[in-house]
């Protein structure tokens, strides 16, 4: 694999820093994590561009968050070393690798078997290993295979039109969940925060992402 460290540095300086990402640890993670390992082989030359890339599994094409949106969403989540992180719909695991570099105990949850196998391969050489799970479903209301576990940080790699209630139930007290909330053509990054039995949310910044299956707005009844 060719050395793309210079392209990675240009991405950090020209895309991520200019999108109000100032956290040194987050910037460092993006500066050392080789994104080319986590994109399709045919897209490696574009790994550090702001192009909208996808990775294909067995029937699933997962749209990746562009680097500047992912970086700012991770910054808004305020990940801390030693915390437990869940990376949902992470494709081949780029977000999970970033959490791993930040020192979090990281779990990647992907529903497509092909993407799961690709993620295991891409994440295999990390010094801080990532656990890869393959739940049969992750939707606004269901997350079988994940229930019973709690996390400090949950990253949802995509847009939703419905609040991710099943994932919010996995937050520890003080836990944060980051996701792109879409309403019509407008979309914003939101951070959910659990405090005891209460969950609040705040708008973090405007952003766009592909709508995730299982999170579309339910059709209303029309007379």
C-alpha atoms as a PDB file:
ATOM      1  CA  UNK A   1       0.000   0.000   0.000  1.00  0.00           C
ATOM      2  CA  UNK A   2       1.503   3.393  -0.976  1.00  0.00           C
ATOM      3  CA  UNK A   3       2.413   5.959   1.670  1.00  0.00           C
ATOM      4  CA  UNK A   4      -0.464   8.448   1.806  1.00  0.00           C
ATOM      5  CA  UNK A   5       0.616  10.301   4.952  1.00  0.00           C
ATOM      6  CA  UNK A   6       1.004  13.601   3.070  1.00  0.00           C
ATOM      7  CA  UNK A   7      -2.506  13.328   1.637  1.00  0.00           C
ATOM      8  CA  UNK A   8      -3.751  12.555   5.143  1.00  0.00           C
ATOM      9  CA  UNK A   9      -2.096  15.671   6.545  1.00  0.00           C
ATOM     10  CA  UNK A  10      -3.654  17.798   3.776  1.00  0.00           C
ATOM     11  CA  UNK A  11      -7.080  16.356   4.678  1.00  0.00           C
ATOM     12  CA  UNK A  12      -6.597  17.279   8.325  1.00  0.00           C
ATOM     13  CA  UNK A  13      -5.354  20.791   7.580  1.00  0.00           C
ATOM     14  CA  UNK A  14      -7.630  21.736   4.673  1.00  0.00           C
ATOM     15  CA  UNK A  15     -10.865  19.928   5.481  1.00  0.00           C
ATOM     16  CA  UNK A  16     -11.081  19.056   9.156  1.00  0.00           C
ATOM     17  CA  UNK A  17      -9.409  22.050  10.816  1.00  0.00           C
ATOM     18  CA  UNK A  18     -11.388  24.447   8.631  1.00  0.00           C
ATOM     19  CA  UNK A  19     -14.657  22.862   9.847  1.00  0.00           C
ATOM     20  CA  UNK A  20     -14.091  24.076  13.423  1.00  0.00           C
ATOM     21  CA  UNK A  21     -12.411  20.906  14.653  1.00  0.00           C
ATOM     22  CA  UNK A  22      -9.853  22.042  17.223  1.00  0.00           C
ATOM     23  CA  UNK A  23      -9.551  19.120  19.655  1.00  0.00           C
ATOM     24  CA  UNK A  24      -5.891  18.056  19.570  1.00  0.00           C
ATOM     25  CA  UNK A  25      -6.565  14.407  20.335  1.00  0.00           C
ATOM     26  CA  UNK A  26      -9.207  14.124  17.616  1.00  0.00           C
ATOM     27  CA  UNK A  27      -6.936  15.865  15.095  1.00  0.00           C
ATOM     28  CA  UNK A  28      -4.086  13.538  16.038  1.00  0.00           C
ATOM     29  CA  UNK A  29      -6.290  10.473  15.545  1.00  0.00           C
ATOM     30  CA  UNK A  30      -7.236  11.589  12.027  1.00  0.00           C
ATOM     31  CA  UNK A  31      -3.605  12.445  11.285  1.00  0.00           C
ATOM     32  CA  UNK A  32      -2.321   8.921  12.019  1.00  0.00           C
ATOM     33  CA  UNK A  33      -5.231   6.644  11.061  1.00  0.00           C
ATOM     34  CA  UNK A  34      -4.877   5.416   7.446  1.00  0.00           C
ATOM     35  CA  UNK A  35      -8.335   5.959   5.912  1.00  0.00           C
ATOM     36  CA  UNK A  36      -7.228   4.191   2.738  1.00  0.00           C
ATOM     37  CA  UNK A  37      -7.525   0.888   4.640  1.00  0.00           C
ATOM     38  CA  UNK A  38     -11.225   1.503   5.288  1.00  0.00           C
ATOM     39  CA  UNK A  39     -12.515   2.401   1.822  1.00  0.00           C
ATOM     40  CA  UNK A  40     -13.119   0.257  -1.251  1.00  0.00           C
ATOM     41  CA  UNK A  41      -9.942  -0.774  -3.077  1.00  0.00           C
ATOM     42  CA  UNK A  42     -11.083   1.159  -6.140  1.00  0.00           C
ATOM     43  CA  UNK A  43     -11.470   4.336  -4.035  1.00  0.00           C
ATOM     44  CA  UNK A  44      -8.110   4.368  -2.270  1.00  0.00           C
ATOM     45  CA  UNK A  45      -6.848   7.232  -4.420  1.00  0.00           C
ATOM     46  CA  UNK A  46      -9.853   9.256  -3.151  1.00  0.00           C
ATOM     47  CA  UNK A  47      -9.542   8.244   0.489  1.00  0.00           C
ATOM     48  CA  UNK A  48      -8.528  11.745   1.641  1.00  0.00           C
ATOM     49  CA  UNK A  49     -10.795  13.751  -0.621  1.00  0.00           C
ATOM     50  CA  UNK A  50     -14.170  15.119   0.416  1.00  0.00           C
ATOM     51  CA  UNK A  51     -15.885  12.814  -2.092  1.00  0.00           C
ATOM     52  CA  UNK A  52     -18.876  10.788  -0.924  1.00  0.00           C
ATOM     53  CA  UNK A  53     -17.600   7.210  -0.864  1.00  0.00           C
ATOM     54  CA  UNK A  54     -19.375   3.920  -0.251  1.00  0.00           C
ATOM     55  CA  UNK A  55     -18.261   0.449   0.785  1.00  0.00           C
ATOM     56  CA  UNK A  56     -20.172  -2.589  -0.433  1.00  0.00           C
ATOM     57  CA  UNK A  57     -20.995  -5.715   1.516  1.00  0.00           C
ATOM     58  CA  UNK A  58     -23.375  -8.571   0.773  1.00  0.00           C
ATOM     59  CA  UNK A  59     -26.288  -6.564  -0.535  1.00  0.00           C
ATOM     60  CA  UNK A  60     -25.500  -3.426   1.470  1.00  0.00           C
ATOM     61  CA  UNK A  61     -23.779  -0.288   0.195  1.00  0.00           C
ATOM     62  CA  UNK A  62     -22.797   1.780   3.220  1.00  0.00           C
ATOM     63  CA  UNK A  63     -22.240   5.498   2.558  1.00  0.00           C
ATOM     64  CA  UNK A  64     -19.307   6.812   4.591  1.00  0.00           C
ATOM     65  CA  UNK A  65     -19.482  10.090   6.458  1.00  0.00           C
ATOM     66  CA  UNK A  66     -17.150  12.592   4.816  1.00  0.00           C
ATOM     67  CA  UNK A  67     -14.060  13.167   6.986  1.00  0.00           C
ATOM     68  CA  UNK A  68     -14.910  16.696   8.169  1.00  0.00           C
ATOM     69  CA  UNK A  69     -18.408  15.670   9.324  1.00  0.00           C
ATOM     70  CA  UNK A  70     -17.079  12.573  11.078  1.00  0.00           C
ATOM     71  CA  UNK A  71     -14.338  14.581  12.800  1.00  0.00           C
ATOM     72  CA  UNK A  72     -16.662  17.289  14.049  1.00  0.00           C
ATOM     73  CA  UNK A  73     -19.208  14.725  15.238  1.00  0.00           C
ATOM     74  CA  UNK A  74     -16.504  12.867  17.148  1.00  0.00           C
ATOM     75  CA  UNK A  75     -15.297  16.128  18.677  1.00  0.00           C
ATOM     76  CA  UNK A  76     -18.856  16.931  19.805  1.00  0.00           C
ATOM     77  CA  UNK A  77     -19.066  13.522  21.507  1.00  0.00           C
ATOM     78  CA  UNK A  78     -16.050  14.418  23.681  1.00  0.00           C
ATOM     79  CA  UNK A  79     -14.593  10.886  23.823  1.00  0.00           C
ATOM     80  CA  UNK A  80     -12.313  10.198  26.780  1.00  0.00           C
ATOM     81  CA  UNK A  81      -9.584   7.582  27.086  1.00  0.00           C
ATOM     82  CA  UNK A  82     -10.857   4.475  28.862  1.00  0.00           C
ATOM     83  CA  UNK A  83     -14.506   4.993  27.941  1.00  0.00           C
ATOM     84  CA  UNK A  84     -16.588   2.374  26.118  1.00  0.00           C
ATOM     85  CA  UNK A  85     -17.550   3.336  22.566  1.00  0.00           C
ATOM     86  CA  UNK A  86     -19.995   1.812  20.093  1.00  0.00           C
ATOM     87  CA  UNK A  87     -19.548   2.561  16.390  1.00  0.00           C
ATOM     88  CA  UNK A  88     -22.764   1.724  14.480  1.00  0.00           C
ATOM     89  CA  UNK A  89     -22.994   1.210  10.713  1.00  0.00           C
ATOM     90  CA  UNK A  90     -19.267   1.902  10.486  1.00  0.00           C
ATOM     91  CA  UNK A  91     -18.590  -0.018   7.267  1.00  0.00           C
ATOM     92  CA  UNK A  92     -15.015  -1.292   7.367  1.00  0.00           C
ATOM     93  CA  UNK A  93     -14.419   0.435  10.709  1.00  0.00           C
ATOM     94  CA  UNK A  94     -12.767   3.819  10.135  1.00  0.00           C
ATOM     95  CA  UNK A  95     -14.636   5.457  13.018  1.00  0.00           C
ATOM     96  CA  UNK A  96     -13.888   2.482  15.251  1.00  0.00           C
ATOM     97  CA  UNK A  97     -10.178   2.756  14.415  1.00  0.00           C
ATOM     98  CA  UNK A  98     -10.248   6.449  15.367  1.00  0.00           C
ATOM     99  CA  UNK A  99     -11.893   5.646  18.717  1.00  0.00           C
ATOM    100  CA  UNK A 100      -9.291   2.937  19.268  1.00  0.00           C
ATOM    101  CA  UNK A 101      -6.477   5.445  18.675  1.00  0.00           C
ATOM    102  CA  UNK A 102      -8.128   7.755  21.217  1.00  0.00           C
ATOM    103  CA  UNK A 103      -7.850   4.976  23.806  1.00  0.00           C
ATOM    104  CA  UNK A 104     -11.490   3.923  24.019  1.00  0.00           C
ATOM    105  CA  UNK A 105     -12.664   0.319  24.451  1.00  0.00           C
ATOM    106  CA  UNK A 106     -14.416   0.143  21.089  1.00  0.00           C
ATOM    107  CA  UNK A 107     -17.094  -2.073  19.601  1.00  0.00           C
ATOM    108  CA  UNK A 108     -18.072  -1.908  15.926  1.00  0.00           C
ATOM    109  CA  UNK A 109     -21.621  -3.043  15.112  1.00  0.00           C
ATOM    110  CA  UNK A 110     -22.371  -3.814  11.462  1.00  0.00           C
ATOM    111  CA  UNK A 111     -25.388  -5.705  10.121  1.00  0.00           C
ATOM    112  CA  UNK A 112     -23.960  -6.767   6.745  1.00  0.00           C
ATOM    113  CA  UNK A 113     -21.783  -9.932   6.879  1.00  0.00           C
ATOM    114  CA  UNK A 114     -19.557  -8.738   4.041  1.00  0.00           C
ATOM    115  CA  UNK A 115     -18.831  -5.453   5.765  1.00  0.00           C
ATOM    116  CA  UNK A 116     -18.174  -7.316   9.013  1.00  0.00           C
ATOM    117  CA  UNK A 117     -15.513  -9.464   7.362  1.00  0.00           C
ATOM    118  CA  UNK A 118     -13.963  -6.403   5.723  1.00  0.00           C
ATOM    119  CA  UNK A 119     -13.899  -4.603   9.069  1.00  0.00           C
ATOM    120  CA  UNK A 120     -12.219  -7.526  10.829  1.00  0.00           C
ATOM    121  CA  UNK A 121      -9.467  -7.489   8.222  1.00  0.00           C
ATOM    122  CA  UNK A 122      -9.009  -3.706   8.262  1.00  0.00           C
ATOM    123  CA  UNK A 123      -8.938  -3.529  12.072  1.00  0.00           C
ATOM    124  CA  UNK A 124      -6.762  -6.584  12.669  1.00  0.00           C
ATOM    125  CA  UNK A 125      -3.463  -4.811  13.346  1.00  0.00           C
ATOM    126  CA  UNK A 126      -4.568  -2.185  15.893  1.00  0.00           C
ATOM    127  CA  UNK A 127      -2.613  -2.056  19.134  1.00  0.00           C
ATOM    128  CA  UNK A 128      -5.890  -1.333  20.959  1.00  0.00           C
ATOM    129  CA  UNK A 129      -8.160  -4.059  19.493  1.00  0.00           C
ATOM    130  CA  UNK A 130     -11.716  -3.367  18.348  1.00  0.00           C
ATOM    131  CA  UNK A 131     -14.471  -5.902  18.965  1.00  0.00           C
ATOM    132  CA  UNK A 132     -16.601  -6.468  15.843  1.00  0.00           C
ATOM    133  CA  UNK A 133     -20.231  -7.556  16.232  1.00  0.00           C
ATOM    134  CA  UNK A 134     -22.767  -8.531  13.582  1.00  0.00           C
ATOM    135  CA  UNK A 135     -26.259  -7.953  14.998  1.00  0.00           C
ATOM    136  CA  UNK A 136     -29.078  -9.075  12.725  1.00  0.00           C
ATOM    137  CA  UNK A 137     -30.734  -5.672  12.927  1.00  0.00           C
ATOM    138  CA  UNK A 138     -30.169  -2.143  14.147  1.00  0.00           C
ATOM    139  CA  UNK A 139     -33.140   0.167  13.768  1.00  0.00           C
ATOM    140  CA  UNK A 140     -34.839   3.011  15.609  1.00  0.00           C
ATOM    141  CA  UNK A 141     -36.708   0.522  17.787  1.00  0.00           C
ATOM    142  CA  UNK A 142     -34.584  -2.633  17.818  1.00  0.00           C
ATOM    143  CA  UNK A 143     -30.970  -3.558  18.415  1.00  0.00           C
ATOM    144  CA  UNK A 144     -30.898  -7.314  19.064  1.00  0.00           C
ATOM    145  CA  UNK A 145     -27.490  -8.593  20.052  1.00  0.00           C
ATOM    146  CA  UNK A 146     -26.563  -5.287  21.698  1.00  0.00           C
ATOM    147  CA  UNK A 147     -29.097  -5.196  24.526  1.00  0.00           C
ATOM    148  CA  UNK A 148     -27.615  -5.646  27.968  1.00  0.00           C
ATOM    149  CA  UNK A 149     -24.471  -3.631  27.177  1.00  0.00           C
ATOM    150  CA  UNK A 150     -23.961   0.021  28.020  1.00  0.00           C
ATOM    151  CA  UNK A 151     -21.640   2.541  26.396  1.00  0.00           C
ATOM    152  CA  UNK A 152     -20.253   6.005  27.184  1.00  0.00           C
ATOM    153  CA  UNK A 153     -20.153   7.045  23.532  1.00  0.00           C
ATOM    154  CA  UNK A 154     -22.248   5.882  20.564  1.00  0.00           C
ATOM    155  CA  UNK A 155     -21.535   7.063  17.028  1.00  0.00           C
ATOM    156  CA  UNK A 156     -24.191   6.483  14.358  1.00  0.00           C
ATOM    157  CA  UNK A 157     -22.640   6.703  10.894  1.00  0.00           C
ATOM    158  CA  UNK A 158     -25.526   8.098   8.889  1.00  0.00           C
ATOM    159  CA  UNK A 159     -28.767  10.043   8.989  1.00  0.00           C
ATOM    160  CA  UNK A 160     -32.010   9.152  10.739  1.00  0.00           C
ATOM    161  CA  UNK A 161     -35.514  10.585  10.580  1.00  0.00           C
ATOM    162  CA  UNK A 162     -36.603   8.947  13.829  1.00  0.00           C
ATOM    163  CA  UNK A 163     -34.911   9.161  17.217  1.00  0.00           C
ATOM    164  CA  UNK A 164     -32.712   6.069  17.721  1.00  0.00           C
ATOM    165  CA  UNK A 165     -34.543   4.864  20.839  1.00  0.00           C
ATOM    166  CA  UNK A 166     -33.017   1.372  20.839  1.00  0.00           C
ATOM    167  CA  UNK A 167     -29.504   2.845  20.823  1.00  0.00           C
ATOM    168  CA  UNK A 168     -30.312   5.533  23.370  1.00  0.00           C
ATOM    169  CA  UNK A 169     -31.246   2.710  25.753  1.00  0.00           C
ATOM    170  CA  UNK A 170     -27.604   1.541  25.547  1.00  0.00           C
ATOM    171  CA  UNK A 171     -26.156   4.780  26.964  1.00  0.00           C
ATOM    172  CA  UNK A 172     -24.609   4.839  30.410  1.00  0.00           C
ATOM    173  CA  UNK A 173     -25.470   7.672  32.767  1.00  0.00           C
ATOM    174  CA  UNK A 174     -23.560  10.607  31.288  1.00  0.00           C
ATOM    175  CA  UNK A 175     -23.290   8.813  27.943  1.00  0.00           C
ATOM    176  CA  UNK A 176     -23.467  10.645  24.593  1.00  0.00           C
ATOM    177  CA  UNK A 177     -24.836   9.579  21.211  1.00  0.00           C
ATOM    178  CA  UNK A 178     -24.054  11.421  17.990  1.00  0.00           C
ATOM    179  CA  UNK A 179     -26.154  11.169  14.830  1.00  0.00           C
ATOM    180  CA  UNK A 180     -27.345  13.206  11.854  1.00  0.00           C
ATOM    181  CA  UNK A 181     -31.073  14.004  12.257  1.00  0.00           C
ATOM    182  CA  UNK A 182     -32.891  14.650   9.002  1.00  0.00           C
ATOM    183  CA  UNK A 183     -36.219  16.399   8.478  1.00  0.00           C
ATOM    184  CA  UNK A 184     -37.159  16.879   4.850  1.00  0.00           C
ATOM    185  CA  UNK A 185     -34.105  18.284   3.085  1.00  0.00           C
ATOM    186  CA  UNK A 186     -32.641  19.795   6.242  1.00  0.00           C
ATOM    187  CA  UNK A 187     -30.213  17.794   8.362  1.00  0.00           C
ATOM    188  CA  UNK A 188     -28.289  18.560  11.544  1.00  0.00           C
ATOM    189  CA  UNK A 189     -25.854  16.713  13.750  1.00  0.00           C
ATOM    190  CA  UNK A 190     -27.413  16.100  17.149  1.00  0.00           C
ATOM    191  CA  UNK A 191     -25.818  15.001  20.398  1.00  0.00           C
ATOM    192  CA  UNK A 192     -28.018  13.064  22.817  1.00  0.00           C
ATOM    193  CA  UNK A 193     -27.024  13.045  26.499  1.00  0.00           C
ATOM    194  CA  UNK A 194     -28.295  10.648  29.139  1.00  0.00           C
ATOM    195  CA  UNK A 195     -28.634  11.939  32.699  1.00  0.00           C
ATOM    196  CA  UNK A 196     -30.166   9.315  34.930  1.00  0.00           C
ATOM    197  CA  UNK A 197     -33.431   8.257  33.317  1.00  0.00           C
ATOM    198  CA  UNK A 198     -33.637  11.407  31.190  1.00  0.00           C
ATOM    199  CA  UNK A 199     -32.258  11.905  27.681  1.00  0.00           C
ATOM    200  CA  UNK A 200     -31.851  15.355  26.162  1.00  0.00           C
ATOM    201  CA  UNK A 201     -30.526  16.421  22.766  1.00  0.00           C
ATOM    202  CA  UNK A 202     -28.864  19.461  21.290  1.00  0.00           C
ATOM    203  CA  UNK A 203     -28.076  20.653  17.794  1.00  0.00           C
ATOM    204  CA  UNK A 204     -24.329  20.543  17.157  1.00  0.00           C
ATOM    205  CA  UNK A 205     -23.930  21.684  13.536  1.00  0.00           C
ATOM    206  CA  UNK A 206     -25.517  21.394  10.096  1.00  0.00           C
ATOM    207  CA  UNK A 207     -24.513  18.307   8.131  1.00  0.00           C
ATOM    208  CA  UNK A 208     -25.723  15.875   5.490  1.00  0.00           C
ATOM    209  CA  UNK A 209     -25.521  12.091   5.396  1.00  0.00           C
ATOM    210  CA  UNK A 210     -27.270   9.164   3.737  1.00  0.00           C
ATOM    211  CA  UNK A 211     -30.446   7.900   5.430  1.00  0.00           C
ATOM    212  CA  UNK A 212     -29.941   4.618   7.261  1.00  0.00           C
ATOM    213  CA  UNK A 213     -32.381   1.727   6.737  1.00  0.00           C
ATOM    214  CA  UNK A 214     -34.673   1.212   9.699  1.00  0.00           C
ATOM    215  CA  UNK A 215     -34.645   4.888  10.659  1.00  0.00           C
ATOM    216  CA  UNK A 216     -36.978   6.422   8.062  1.00  0.00           C
ATOM    217  CA  UNK A 217     -39.964   8.462   9.201  1.00  0.00           C
ATOM    218  CA  UNK A 218     -43.031   6.270   9.461  1.00  0.00           C
ATOM    219  CA  UNK A 219     -45.747   7.200   7.002  1.00  0.00           C
ATOM    220  CA  UNK A 220     -48.616   9.015   8.714  1.00  0.00           C
ATOM    221  CA  UNK A 221     -52.234   8.002   8.346  1.00  0.00           C
ATOM    222  CA  UNK A 222     -54.057  10.123   5.783  1.00  0.00           C
ATOM    223  CA  UNK A 223     -57.879  10.364   5.696  1.00  0.00           C
END
